[in-house]
Amino acid sequence: MAKQGQIATSGLDGLTTAAKDAAAGGKAKGLPPVHLWNPPFCGDLDMRIASDGTWFYLGTPIGRPALVRLFSTILKREDGKHFLVTPVEKVGIVVDDAPFLAVEMLKEQDSRGSVLRFRTNVDDWVDCDADHRLRFEVADDGGLMPYLHVRADLWAKVTRALYYDLVDMGEERVVDGKPMFGIVSAGEFFAMADAEQMREAP
């Protein structure tokens, strides 16, 4: 097994070239078909996505948004671990929390009714619907932390500012006989917490 940093390509430059080649080989629009690629594991790369969405390589932030965007298109999650994948190699990276951040939200109307659209920190737009669900987890401080499903077991953490916007637009519904507080988008109800608990929250 390759040791950390020992990958088939020549470090970041090689992986960048491979990622560009993979993107060029995909559709004119859309993401590379990483779900179809099962290359050999080539070891772990010293790359980390921090909880604030910053990508690091060898402990240094990657300051080029276009490069971060490129790497995000070949990101894959398997068995709870994250990898960058091309048709010829797979390298492991560390993700502190979720690989993406949801940094902007729009409320629009279409045939499904009111739809919440989220923009991620890598400029993907995701409609919150049955296939791209919101989930809410209890944070370390006891508050709630929302996450949005982006694609293929990859999630975006919703920023605190947007969380407060979600609370403001939330509503109560009875789910399995229990009053719940949650968010409606594209005809789906995403339960946030027990309604009484939310009413009592400061």
N, C-alpha and C. Protein backbone atom coordinates (compact mmCIF):
# COMPACT_ATOMS: atom_id res chain seq x y z
N MET A 1 0.84 -1.19 0.00
CA MET A 1 0.00 0.00 0.00
C MET A 1 0.88 1.25 0.00
N ALA A 2 0.47 2.22 -0.77
CA ALA A 2 1.25 3.45 -0.84
C ALA A 2 1.13 4.22 0.46
N LYS A 3 2.20 4.85 0.86
CA LYS A 3 2.18 5.66 2.05
C LYS A 3 1.60 7.04 1.74
N GLN A 4 1.32 7.80 2.82
CA GLN A 4 0.73 9.11 2.64
C GLN A 4 1.61 9.97 1.74
N GLY A 5 0.95 10.59 0.76
CA GLY A 5 1.67 11.48 -0.15
C GLY A 5 2.27 10.76 -1.34
N GLN A 6 2.39 9.41 -1.28
CA GLN A 6 2.96 8.67 -2.40
C GLN A 6 1.83 8.20 -3.30
N ILE A 7 1.56 8.96 -4.32
CA ILE A 7 0.47 8.63 -5.24
C ILE A 7 1.04 8.42 -6.62
N ALA A 8 0.21 7.84 -7.47
CA ALA A 8 0.71 7.47 -8.80
C ALA A 8 1.11 8.70 -9.60
N THR A 9 0.39 9.80 -9.41
CA THR A 9 0.75 11.03 -10.11
C THR A 9 1.79 11.78 -9.32
N SER A 10 2.36 12.80 -9.93
CA SER A 10 3.42 13.56 -9.27
C SER A 10 2.82 14.66 -8.41
N GLY A 11 2.19 14.26 -7.30
CA GLY A 11 1.66 15.23 -6.36
C GLY A 11 0.48 16.00 -6.91
N LEU A 12 0.36 17.24 -6.45
CA LEU A 12 -0.79 18.06 -6.79
C LEU A 12 -0.87 18.35 -8.29
N ASP A 13 0.27 18.63 -8.91
CA ASP A 13 0.27 18.94 -10.34
C ASP A 13 -0.24 17.77 -11.16
N GLY A 14 0.23 16.58 -10.80
CA GLY A 14 -0.21 15.40 -11.54
C GLY A 14 -1.69 15.14 -11.35
N LEU A 15 -2.16 15.31 -10.13
CA LEU A 15 -3.58 15.10 -9.87
C LEU A 15 -4.43 16.16 -10.58
N THR A 16 -3.93 17.38 -10.63
CA THR A 16 -4.64 18.44 -11.34
C THR A 16 -4.78 18.11 -12.81
N THR A 17 -3.70 17.64 -13.42
CA THR A 17 -3.74 17.26 -14.84
C THR A 17 -4.72 16.12 -15.07
N ALA A 18 -4.67 15.12 -14.18
CA ALA A 18 -5.57 13.98 -14.31
C ALA A 18 -7.02 14.41 -14.15
N ALA A 19 -7.27 15.33 -13.22
CA ALA A 19 -8.63 15.82 -13.01
C ALA A 19 -9.13 16.58 -14.23
N LYS A 20 -8.26 17.40 -14.81
CA LYS A 20 -8.65 18.15 -16.01
C LYS A 20 -8.94 17.20 -17.17
N ASP A 21 -8.12 16.17 -17.31
CA ASP A 21 -8.35 15.19 -18.37
C ASP A 21 -9.68 14.47 -18.15
N ALA A 22 -9.97 14.15 -16.89
CA ALA A 22 -11.22 13.46 -16.58
C ALA A 22 -12.42 14.35 -16.88
N ALA A 23 -12.30 15.64 -16.52
CA ALA A 23 -13.39 16.58 -16.79
C ALA A 23 -13.60 16.76 -18.29
N ALA A 24 -12.49 16.80 -19.03
CA ALA A 24 -12.59 16.98 -20.48
C ALA A 24 -13.22 15.78 -21.15
N GLY A 25 -13.06 14.62 -20.54
CA GLY A 25 -13.61 13.40 -21.12
C GLY A 25 -15.06 13.18 -20.79
N GLY A 26 -15.61 14.04 -19.91
CA GLY A 26 -17.00 13.90 -19.52
C GLY A 26 -17.92 14.64 -20.48
N LYS A 27 -19.12 14.90 -19.99
CA LYS A 27 -20.08 15.62 -20.81
C LYS A 27 -19.68 17.09 -20.91
N ALA A 28 -20.20 17.74 -21.94
CA ALA A 28 -19.90 19.15 -22.11
C ALA A 28 -20.36 19.94 -20.89
N LYS A 29 -21.50 19.53 -20.34
CA LYS A 29 -21.99 20.13 -19.10
C LYS A 29 -22.22 19.01 -18.10
N GLY A 30 -22.05 19.34 -16.84
CA GLY A 30 -22.25 18.33 -15.82
C GLY A 30 -20.94 17.87 -15.23
N LEU A 31 -21.05 16.94 -14.31
CA LEU A 31 -19.90 16.46 -13.56
C LEU A 31 -19.33 15.18 -14.17
N PRO A 32 -18.04 14.93 -13.95
CA PRO A 32 -17.46 13.67 -14.43
C PRO A 32 -18.17 12.48 -13.76
N PRO A 33 -18.28 11.36 -14.47
CA PRO A 33 -19.02 10.20 -13.93
C PRO A 33 -18.19 9.40 -12.92
N VAL A 34 -17.87 10.03 -11.78
CA VAL A 34 -17.00 9.36 -10.81
C VAL A 34 -17.63 8.08 -10.27
N HIS A 35 -18.97 7.99 -10.31
CA HIS A 35 -19.63 6.79 -9.80
C HIS A 35 -19.33 5.57 -10.68
N LEU A 36 -18.85 5.80 -11.90
CA LEU A 36 -18.53 4.69 -12.80
C LEU A 36 -17.06 4.28 -12.71
N TRP A 37 -16.26 5.06 -11.98
CA TRP A 37 -14.82 4.81 -11.93
C TRP A 37 -14.46 4.02 -10.68
N ASN A 38 -13.72 2.95 -10.86
CA ASN A 38 -13.24 2.13 -9.74
C ASN A 38 -11.76 1.81 -9.93
N PRO A 39 -10.92 2.85 -9.92
CA PRO A 39 -9.49 2.63 -10.12
C PRO A 39 -8.84 2.10 -8.84
N PRO A 40 -7.60 1.67 -8.91
CA PRO A 40 -6.91 1.20 -7.70
C PRO A 40 -6.63 2.34 -6.73
N PHE A 41 -6.65 2.01 -5.43
CA PHE A 41 -6.31 2.98 -4.39
C PHE A 41 -4.81 3.21 -4.41
N CYS A 42 -4.42 4.49 -4.47
CA CYS A 42 -3.01 4.84 -4.61
C CYS A 42 -2.44 5.52 -3.37
N GLY A 43 -3.12 5.39 -2.24
CA GLY A 43 -2.61 5.97 -1.01
C GLY A 43 -3.33 7.25 -0.64
N ASP A 44 -2.93 7.82 0.47
CA ASP A 44 -3.53 9.05 0.97
C ASP A 44 -2.72 10.27 0.54
N LEU A 45 -3.44 11.30 0.15
CA LEU A 45 -2.83 12.57 -0.21
C LEU A 45 -2.95 13.51 0.98
N ASP A 46 -1.94 14.33 1.22
CA ASP A 46 -1.98 15.28 2.33
C ASP A 46 -2.85 16.46 1.94
N MET A 47 -4.14 16.18 1.83
CA MET A 47 -5.13 17.18 1.48
C MET A 47 -6.27 17.08 2.48
N ARG A 48 -6.77 18.25 2.91
CA ARG A 48 -7.82 18.28 3.93
C ARG A 48 -8.82 19.37 3.61
N ILE A 49 -10.09 19.04 3.82
CA ILE A 49 -11.15 20.04 3.72
C ILE A 49 -11.58 20.37 5.14
N ALA A 50 -11.31 21.60 5.57
CA ALA A 50 -11.63 22.01 6.93
C ALA A 50 -13.14 22.22 7.08
N SER A 51 -13.57 22.35 8.32
CA SER A 51 -15.01 22.48 8.58
C SER A 51 -15.57 23.79 8.04
N ASP A 52 -14.71 24.77 7.77
CA ASP A 52 -15.19 26.02 7.18
C ASP A 52 -15.16 26.00 5.66
N GLY A 53 -14.88 24.84 5.08
CA GLY A 53 -14.89 24.69 3.63
C GLY A 53 -13.56 24.96 2.95
N THR A 54 -12.53 25.36 3.70
CA THR A 54 -11.22 25.64 3.12
C THR A 54 -10.50 24.33 2.78
N TRP A 55 -9.94 24.27 1.57
CA TRP A 55 -9.15 23.11 1.16
C TRP A 55 -7.67 23.40 1.43
N PHE A 56 -7.00 22.43 2.03
CA PHE A 56 -5.58 22.54 2.34
C PHE A 56 -4.80 21.45 1.60
N TYR A 57 -3.61 21.82 1.14
CA TYR A 57 -2.67 20.84 0.58
C TYR A 57 -1.33 21.04 1.26
N LEU A 58 -0.80 19.99 1.86
CA LEU A 58 0.45 20.05 2.63
C LEU A 58 0.37 21.14 3.70
N GLY A 59 -0.82 21.29 4.30
CA GLY A 59 -1.01 22.24 5.37
C GLY A 59 -1.23 23.67 4.95
N THR A 60 -1.21 23.94 3.65
CA THR A 60 -1.37 25.30 3.13
C THR A 60 -2.70 25.43 2.39
N PRO A 61 -3.46 26.49 2.64
CA PRO A 61 -4.73 26.65 1.93
C PRO A 61 -4.52 26.72 0.41
N ILE A 62 -5.41 26.08 -0.31
CA ILE A 62 -5.39 26.18 -1.77
C ILE A 62 -6.13 27.47 -2.13
N GLY A 63 -5.38 28.44 -2.62
CA GLY A 63 -5.94 29.77 -2.83
C GLY A 63 -6.58 30.00 -4.18
N ARG A 64 -6.63 28.97 -5.01
CA ARG A 64 -7.21 29.13 -6.35
C ARG A 64 -8.60 28.50 -6.39
N PRO A 65 -9.65 29.32 -6.40
CA PRO A 65 -11.01 28.78 -6.41
C PRO A 65 -11.26 27.81 -7.56
N ALA A 66 -10.67 28.08 -8.72
CA ALA A 66 -10.88 27.21 -9.88
C ALA A 66 -10.31 25.81 -9.62
N LEU A 67 -9.20 25.75 -8.89
CA LEU A 67 -8.59 24.46 -8.58
C LEU A 67 -9.44 23.70 -7.57
N VAL A 68 -9.94 24.41 -6.57
CA VAL A 68 -10.83 23.78 -5.60
C VAL A 68 -12.08 23.26 -6.30
N ARG A 69 -12.62 24.06 -7.18
CA ARG A 69 -13.80 23.64 -7.94
C ARG A 69 -13.51 22.38 -8.75
N LEU A 70 -12.34 22.35 -9.39
CA LEU A 70 -11.96 21.19 -10.18
C LEU A 70 -11.89 19.93 -9.32
N PHE A 71 -11.21 20.03 -8.19
CA PHE A 71 -11.09 18.86 -7.31
C PHE A 71 -12.45 18.42 -6.76
N SER A 72 -13.33 19.39 -6.53
CA SER A 72 -14.64 19.04 -5.99
C SER A 72 -15.45 18.18 -6.95
N THR A 73 -15.16 18.29 -8.25
CA THR A 73 -15.92 17.52 -9.25
C THR A 73 -15.50 16.06 -9.29
N ILE A 74 -14.35 15.73 -8.70
CA ILE A 74 -13.90 14.32 -8.72
C ILE A 74 -13.88 13.75 -7.30
N LEU A 75 -14.67 14.37 -6.43
CA LEU A 75 -14.76 13.91 -5.04
C LEU A 75 -15.77 12.75 -4.95
N LYS A 76 -15.42 11.77 -4.15
CA LYS A 76 -16.26 10.59 -3.99
C LYS A 76 -16.19 10.12 -2.54
N ARG A 77 -17.28 9.60 -2.04
CA ARG A 77 -17.31 9.06 -0.68
C ARG A 77 -17.66 7.59 -0.72
N GLU A 78 -16.86 6.79 -0.05
CA GLU A 78 -17.09 5.35 0.03
C GLU A 78 -16.80 4.89 1.45
N ASP A 79 -17.75 4.15 2.02
CA ASP A 79 -17.57 3.60 3.37
C ASP A 79 -17.15 4.66 4.38
N GLY A 80 -17.76 5.83 4.26
CA GLY A 80 -17.51 6.90 5.22
C GLY A 80 -16.21 7.66 5.01
N LYS A 81 -15.46 7.33 3.97
CA LYS A 81 -14.20 8.02 3.69
C LYS A 81 -14.31 8.77 2.37
N HIS A 82 -13.51 9.82 2.24
CA HIS A 82 -13.55 10.66 1.04
C HIS A 82 -12.30 10.43 0.19
N PHE A 83 -12.52 10.46 -1.12
CA PHE A 83 -11.44 10.24 -2.08
C PHE A 83 -11.57 11.22 -3.24
N LEU A 84 -10.42 11.50 -3.87
CA LEU A 84 -10.41 12.12 -5.18
C LEU A 84 -10.16 11.01 -6.18
N VAL A 85 -11.01 10.95 -7.20
CA VAL A 85 -11.00 9.81 -8.11
C VAL A 85 -10.88 10.27 -9.56
N THR A 86 -9.99 9.62 -10.30
CA THR A 86 -9.91 9.77 -11.75
C THR A 86 -10.07 8.36 -12.33
N PRO A 87 -10.14 8.23 -13.65
CA PRO A 87 -10.28 6.88 -14.20
C PRO A 87 -9.11 5.95 -13.88
N VAL A 88 -7.96 6.50 -13.46
CA VAL A 88 -6.78 5.66 -13.28
C VAL A 88 -6.28 5.58 -11.85
N GLU A 89 -6.79 6.43 -10.93
CA GLU A 89 -6.31 6.38 -9.56
C GLU A 89 -7.35 6.92 -8.58
N LYS A 90 -7.17 6.51 -7.35
CA LYS A 90 -8.02 6.98 -6.25
C LYS A 90 -7.13 7.29 -5.07
N VAL A 91 -7.22 8.53 -4.54
CA VAL A 91 -6.39 8.93 -3.41
C VAL A 91 -7.29 9.41 -2.28
N GLY A 92 -6.92 9.07 -1.06
CA GLY A 92 -7.70 9.46 0.09
C GLY A 92 -7.38 10.86 0.57
N ILE A 93 -8.40 11.58 1.01
CA ILE A 93 -8.21 12.89 1.61
C ILE A 93 -8.99 12.94 2.92
N VAL A 94 -8.72 13.95 3.73
CA VAL A 94 -9.39 14.11 5.03
C VAL A 94 -10.44 15.20 4.91
N VAL A 95 -11.64 14.92 5.40
CA VAL A 95 -12.72 15.91 5.44
C VAL A 95 -13.15 16.04 6.90
N ASP A 96 -12.96 17.24 7.46
CA ASP A 96 -13.24 17.44 8.88
C ASP A 96 -14.72 17.29 9.23
N ASP A 97 -15.59 17.77 8.34
CA ASP A 97 -17.03 17.69 8.59
C ASP A 97 -17.72 17.29 7.30
N ALA A 98 -18.28 18.25 6.59
CA ALA A 98 -18.86 18.00 5.28
C ALA A 98 -17.94 18.61 4.22
N PRO A 99 -17.89 18.03 3.01
CA PRO A 99 -16.97 18.55 2.00
C PRO A 99 -17.38 19.88 1.41
N PHE A 100 -18.66 20.24 1.55
CA PHE A 100 -19.15 21.49 0.97
C PHE A 100 -19.81 22.35 2.03
N LEU A 101 -19.94 23.63 1.71
CA LEU A 101 -20.73 24.56 2.51
C LEU A 101 -21.87 25.10 1.64
N ALA A 102 -23.07 25.21 2.21
CA ALA A 102 -24.16 25.91 1.55
C ALA A 102 -24.11 27.35 2.01
N VAL A 103 -23.80 28.27 1.09
CA VAL A 103 -23.48 29.65 1.48
C VAL A 103 -24.52 30.67 1.02
N GLU A 104 -25.46 30.25 0.19
CA GLU A 104 -26.50 31.17 -0.30
C GLU A 104 -27.78 30.39 -0.50
N MET A 105 -28.91 31.04 -0.26
CA MET A 105 -30.20 30.37 -0.41
C MET A 105 -31.20 31.29 -1.09
N LEU A 106 -31.92 30.75 -2.04
CA LEU A 106 -33.00 31.46 -2.72
C LEU A 106 -34.29 30.68 -2.54
N LYS A 107 -35.39 31.41 -2.42
CA LYS A 107 -36.71 30.78 -2.36
C LYS A 107 -37.45 31.11 -3.63
N GLU A 108 -37.76 30.07 -4.42
CA GLU A 108 -38.39 30.28 -5.72
C GLU A 108 -39.66 29.45 -5.82
N GLN A 109 -40.40 29.68 -6.88
CA GLN A 109 -41.64 28.94 -7.14
C GLN A 109 -41.53 28.22 -8.47
N ASP A 110 -41.95 26.96 -8.48
CA ASP A 110 -42.07 26.23 -9.75
C ASP A 110 -43.24 25.27 -9.62
N SER A 111 -43.32 24.28 -10.50
CA SER A 111 -44.46 23.37 -10.50
C SER A 111 -44.58 22.57 -9.20
N ARG A 112 -43.49 22.51 -8.45
CA ARG A 112 -43.51 21.78 -7.17
C ARG A 112 -43.91 22.67 -6.01
N GLY A 113 -44.19 23.95 -6.29
CA GLY A 113 -44.51 24.89 -5.24
C GLY A 113 -43.28 25.68 -4.84
N SER A 114 -43.18 25.99 -3.58
CA SER A 114 -42.04 26.75 -3.07
C SER A 114 -40.81 25.83 -3.01
N VAL A 115 -39.70 26.31 -3.58
CA VAL A 115 -38.48 25.51 -3.64
C VAL A 115 -37.32 26.33 -3.10
N LEU A 116 -36.56 25.74 -2.19
CA LEU A 116 -35.35 26.38 -1.69
C LEU A 116 -34.18 25.92 -2.55
N ARG A 117 -33.42 26.88 -3.06
CA ARG A 117 -32.24 26.59 -3.86
C ARG A 117 -31.01 27.07 -3.10
N PHE A 118 -30.02 26.20 -3.02
CA PHE A 118 -28.81 26.53 -2.27
C PHE A 118 -27.61 26.56 -3.21
N ARG A 119 -26.74 27.54 -2.99
CA ARG A 119 -25.46 27.59 -3.70
C ARG A 119 -24.36 27.16 -2.75
N THR A 120 -23.50 26.26 -3.23
CA THR A 120 -22.40 25.80 -2.41
C THR A 120 -21.18 26.70 -2.59
N ASN A 121 -20.18 26.47 -1.77
CA ASN A 121 -18.95 27.26 -1.85
C ASN A 121 -18.13 26.96 -3.10
N VAL A 122 -18.52 25.95 -3.87
CA VAL A 122 -17.86 25.68 -5.15
C VAL A 122 -18.80 25.98 -6.32
N ASP A 123 -19.83 26.80 -6.03
CA ASP A 123 -20.75 27.34 -7.04
C ASP A 123 -21.63 26.30 -7.71
N ASP A 124 -21.94 25.24 -7.01
CA ASP A 124 -23.00 24.34 -7.46
C ASP A 124 -24.33 24.84 -6.89
N TRP A 125 -25.38 24.79 -7.69
CA TRP A 125 -26.73 25.11 -7.21
C TRP A 125 -27.50 23.81 -7.01
N VAL A 126 -28.12 23.67 -5.87
CA VAL A 126 -28.82 22.43 -5.51
C VAL A 126 -30.23 22.79 -5.05
N ASP A 127 -31.23 22.19 -5.70
CA ASP A 127 -32.61 22.34 -5.24
C ASP A 127 -32.86 21.40 -4.09
N CYS A 128 -33.42 21.91 -3.01
CA CYS A 128 -33.78 21.06 -1.88
C CYS A 128 -35.08 20.35 -2.21
N ASP A 129 -35.00 19.02 -2.37
CA ASP A 129 -36.18 18.23 -2.75
C ASP A 129 -36.01 16.81 -2.23
N ALA A 130 -36.80 15.89 -2.74
CA ALA A 130 -36.77 14.52 -2.24
C ALA A 130 -35.42 13.86 -2.46
N ASP A 131 -34.70 14.25 -3.50
CA ASP A 131 -33.40 13.68 -3.80
C ASP A 131 -32.25 14.45 -3.16
N HIS A 132 -32.53 15.64 -2.71
CA HIS A 132 -31.51 16.49 -2.09
C HIS A 132 -32.09 17.04 -0.79
N ARG A 133 -32.05 16.19 0.22
CA ARG A 133 -32.77 16.44 1.45
C ARG A 133 -31.95 17.27 2.45
N LEU A 134 -32.69 17.93 3.32
CA LEU A 134 -32.08 18.57 4.48
C LEU A 134 -32.13 17.60 5.65
N ARG A 135 -31.04 17.53 6.40
CA ARG A 135 -31.05 16.79 7.66
C ARG A 135 -30.49 17.71 8.73
N PHE A 136 -30.89 17.47 9.96
CA PHE A 136 -30.50 18.33 11.06
C PHE A 136 -29.86 17.48 12.16
N GLU A 137 -28.66 17.88 12.57
CA GLU A 137 -27.95 17.18 13.62
C GLU A 137 -27.70 18.11 14.79
N VAL A 138 -27.56 17.52 15.97
CA VAL A 138 -27.28 18.31 17.16
C VAL A 138 -25.80 18.66 17.18
N ALA A 139 -25.50 19.97 17.26
CA ALA A 139 -24.12 20.45 17.27
C ALA A 139 -23.53 20.30 18.68
N ASP A 140 -22.24 20.54 18.79
CA ASP A 140 -21.55 20.42 20.07
C ASP A 140 -22.12 21.37 21.12
N ASP A 141 -22.62 22.52 20.66
CA ASP A 141 -23.15 23.49 21.61
C ASP A 141 -24.62 23.23 21.95
N GLY A 142 -25.16 22.13 21.45
CA GLY A 142 -26.55 21.79 21.72
C GLY A 142 -27.53 22.32 20.71
N GLY A 143 -27.06 23.21 19.83
CA GLY A 143 -27.92 23.73 18.78
C GLY A 143 -28.05 22.76 17.62
N LEU A 144 -28.78 23.17 16.62
CA LEU A 144 -28.99 22.31 15.45
C LEU A 144 -28.09 22.75 14.30
N MET A 145 -27.57 21.76 13.57
CA MET A 145 -26.73 22.05 12.42
C MET A 145 -27.36 21.38 11.20
N PRO A 146 -27.79 22.16 10.20
CA PRO A 146 -28.41 21.58 9.01
C PRO A 146 -27.37 21.19 7.96
N TYR A 147 -27.68 20.12 7.27
CA TYR A 147 -26.85 19.64 6.16
C TYR A 147 -27.77 19.38 4.96
N LEU A 148 -27.25 19.68 3.77
CA LEU A 148 -27.99 19.47 2.52
C LEU A 148 -27.29 18.40 1.70
N HIS A 149 -28.07 17.42 1.22
CA HIS A 149 -27.49 16.39 0.36
C HIS A 149 -27.22 16.99 -1.02
N VAL A 150 -25.97 16.95 -1.44
CA VAL A 150 -25.58 17.51 -2.73
C VAL A 150 -25.65 16.46 -3.83
N ARG A 151 -24.94 15.35 -3.61
CA ARG A 151 -24.96 14.25 -4.58
C ARG A 151 -24.20 13.06 -4.00
N ALA A 152 -24.66 11.87 -4.31
CA ALA A 152 -23.91 10.63 -4.06
C ALA A 152 -23.21 10.59 -2.71
N ASP A 153 -23.96 10.78 -1.64
CA ASP A 153 -23.44 10.71 -0.28
C ASP A 153 -22.46 11.83 0.04
N LEU A 154 -22.51 12.92 -0.70
CA LEU A 154 -21.73 14.11 -0.39
C LEU A 154 -22.69 15.19 0.10
N TRP A 155 -22.31 15.83 1.21
CA TRP A 155 -23.21 16.77 1.87
C TRP A 155 -22.57 18.15 1.99
N ALA A 156 -23.43 19.15 2.11
CA ALA A 156 -23.00 20.52 2.37
C ALA A 156 -23.52 20.94 3.73
N LYS A 157 -22.65 21.49 4.55
CA LYS A 157 -23.09 22.07 5.82
C LYS A 157 -23.67 23.45 5.54
N VAL A 158 -24.86 23.70 6.04
CA VAL A 158 -25.53 24.98 5.83
C VAL A 158 -24.97 25.98 6.85
N THR A 159 -24.59 27.15 6.37
CA THR A 159 -23.98 28.14 7.25
C THR A 159 -24.96 28.58 8.33
N ARG A 160 -24.40 29.09 9.43
CA ARG A 160 -25.23 29.51 10.56
C ARG A 160 -26.22 30.60 10.15
N ALA A 161 -25.79 31.54 9.31
CA ALA A 161 -26.69 32.60 8.87
C ALA A 161 -27.90 32.03 8.14
N LEU A 162 -27.67 31.05 7.26
CA LEU A 162 -28.78 30.44 6.53
C LEU A 162 -29.65 29.60 7.45
N TYR A 163 -29.05 29.02 8.48
CA TYR A 163 -29.83 28.25 9.45
C TYR A 163 -30.88 29.14 10.10
N TYR A 164 -30.49 30.36 10.48
CA TYR A 164 -31.45 31.28 11.09
C TYR A 164 -32.54 31.64 10.09
N ASP A 165 -32.20 31.77 8.83
CA ASP A 165 -33.22 32.02 7.80
C ASP A 165 -34.19 30.84 7.71
N LEU A 166 -33.67 29.63 7.81
CA LEU A 166 -34.53 28.44 7.77
C LEU A 166 -35.49 28.43 8.95
N VAL A 167 -34.99 28.77 10.13
CA VAL A 167 -35.85 28.81 11.32
C VAL A 167 -36.98 29.82 11.11
N ASP A 168 -36.65 30.96 10.54
CA ASP A 168 -37.65 32.01 10.32
C ASP A 168 -38.76 31.55 9.38
N MET A 169 -38.43 30.70 8.42
CA MET A 169 -39.44 30.26 7.45
C MET A 169 -40.02 28.89 7.79
N GLY A 170 -39.63 28.33 8.92
CA GLY A 170 -40.11 27.01 9.29
C GLY A 170 -41.59 27.00 9.68
N GLU A 171 -42.16 25.81 9.74
CA GLU A 171 -43.57 25.65 10.10
C GLU A 171 -43.76 24.34 10.85
N GLU A 172 -44.90 24.24 11.50
CA GLU A 172 -45.21 23.03 12.26
C GLU A 172 -46.11 22.12 11.44
N ARG A 173 -45.82 20.82 11.52
CA ARG A 173 -46.67 19.79 10.91
C ARG A 173 -46.67 18.57 11.82
N VAL A 174 -47.72 17.80 11.73
CA VAL A 174 -47.79 16.57 12.51
C VAL A 174 -47.17 15.44 11.69
N VAL A 175 -46.15 14.81 12.25
CA VAL A 175 -45.45 13.69 11.60
C VAL A 175 -45.58 12.48 12.51
N ASP A 176 -46.21 11.42 11.99
CA ASP A 176 -46.42 10.20 12.78
C ASP A 176 -47.06 10.51 14.13
N GLY A 177 -48.04 11.41 14.09
CA GLY A 177 -48.78 11.74 15.29
C GLY A 177 -48.09 12.69 16.24
N LYS A 178 -46.94 13.23 15.84
CA LYS A 178 -46.16 14.10 16.72
C LYS A 178 -45.95 15.44 16.04
N PRO A 179 -46.24 16.55 16.72
CA PRO A 179 -46.00 17.87 16.11
C PRO A 179 -44.51 18.13 15.95
N MET A 180 -44.12 18.44 14.72
CA MET A 180 -42.71 18.69 14.41
C MET A 180 -42.57 20.05 13.74
N PHE A 181 -41.44 20.66 13.96
CA PHE A 181 -41.09 21.92 13.31
C PHE A 181 -40.10 21.61 12.20
N GLY A 182 -40.34 22.16 11.01
CA GLY A 182 -39.44 21.84 9.91
C GLY A 182 -39.58 22.79 8.75
N ILE A 183 -38.99 22.38 7.65
CA ILE A 183 -38.88 23.21 6.45
C ILE A 183 -39.60 22.50 5.29
N VAL A 184 -40.33 23.28 4.50
CA VAL A 184 -40.99 22.75 3.31
C VAL A 184 -40.27 23.26 2.08
N SER A 185 -39.95 22.32 1.18
CA SER A 185 -39.34 22.68 -0.10
C SER A 185 -39.70 21.62 -1.12
N ALA A 186 -40.13 22.05 -2.29
CA ALA A 186 -40.48 21.14 -3.40
C ALA A 186 -41.50 20.09 -2.96
N GLY A 187 -42.42 20.50 -2.10
CA GLY A 187 -43.47 19.59 -1.66
C GLY A 187 -43.05 18.60 -0.59
N GLU A 188 -41.82 18.70 -0.11
CA GLU A 188 -41.32 17.80 0.93
C GLU A 188 -41.21 18.56 2.26
N PHE A 189 -41.45 17.84 3.35
CA PHE A 189 -41.30 18.43 4.68
C PHE A 189 -40.08 17.80 5.34
N PHE A 190 -39.14 18.65 5.74
CA PHE A 190 -37.91 18.19 6.37
C PHE A 190 -37.94 18.59 7.84
N ALA A 191 -38.20 17.60 8.70
CA ALA A 191 -38.36 17.88 10.12
C ALA A 191 -37.05 18.34 10.73
N MET A 192 -37.13 19.42 11.49
CA MET A 192 -35.96 19.98 12.14
C MET A 192 -35.85 19.51 13.58
N ALA A 193 -36.97 19.60 14.31
CA ALA A 193 -36.97 19.22 15.72
C ALA A 193 -38.40 19.13 16.20
N ASP A 194 -38.57 18.63 17.41
CA ASP A 194 -39.87 18.61 18.06
C ASP A 194 -40.40 20.03 18.16
N ALA A 195 -41.67 20.22 17.79
CA ALA A 195 -42.23 21.56 17.73
C ALA A 195 -42.21 22.24 19.09
N GLU A 196 -42.53 21.52 20.14
CA GLU A 196 -42.53 22.11 21.48
C GLU A 196 -41.11 22.54 21.88
N GLN A 197 -40.13 21.72 21.50
CA GLN A 197 -38.74 22.08 21.80
C GLN A 197 -38.35 23.36 21.10
N MET A 198 -38.78 23.54 19.85
CA MET A 198 -38.45 24.76 19.13
C MET A 198 -39.16 25.97 19.73
N ARG A 199 -40.40 25.79 20.21
CA ARG A 199 -41.12 26.91 20.81
C ARG A 199 -40.45 27.38 22.09
N GLU A 200 -39.82 26.44 22.80
CA GLU A 200 -39.18 26.77 24.06
C GLU A 200 -37.75 27.27 23.89
N ALA A 201 -37.19 27.11 22.67
CA ALA A 201 -35.80 27.52 22.45
C ALA A 201 -35.71 29.04 22.56
N PRO A 202 -34.56 29.55 23.09
CA PRO A 202 -34.40 31.00 23.23
C PRO A 202 -34.27 31.68 21.87
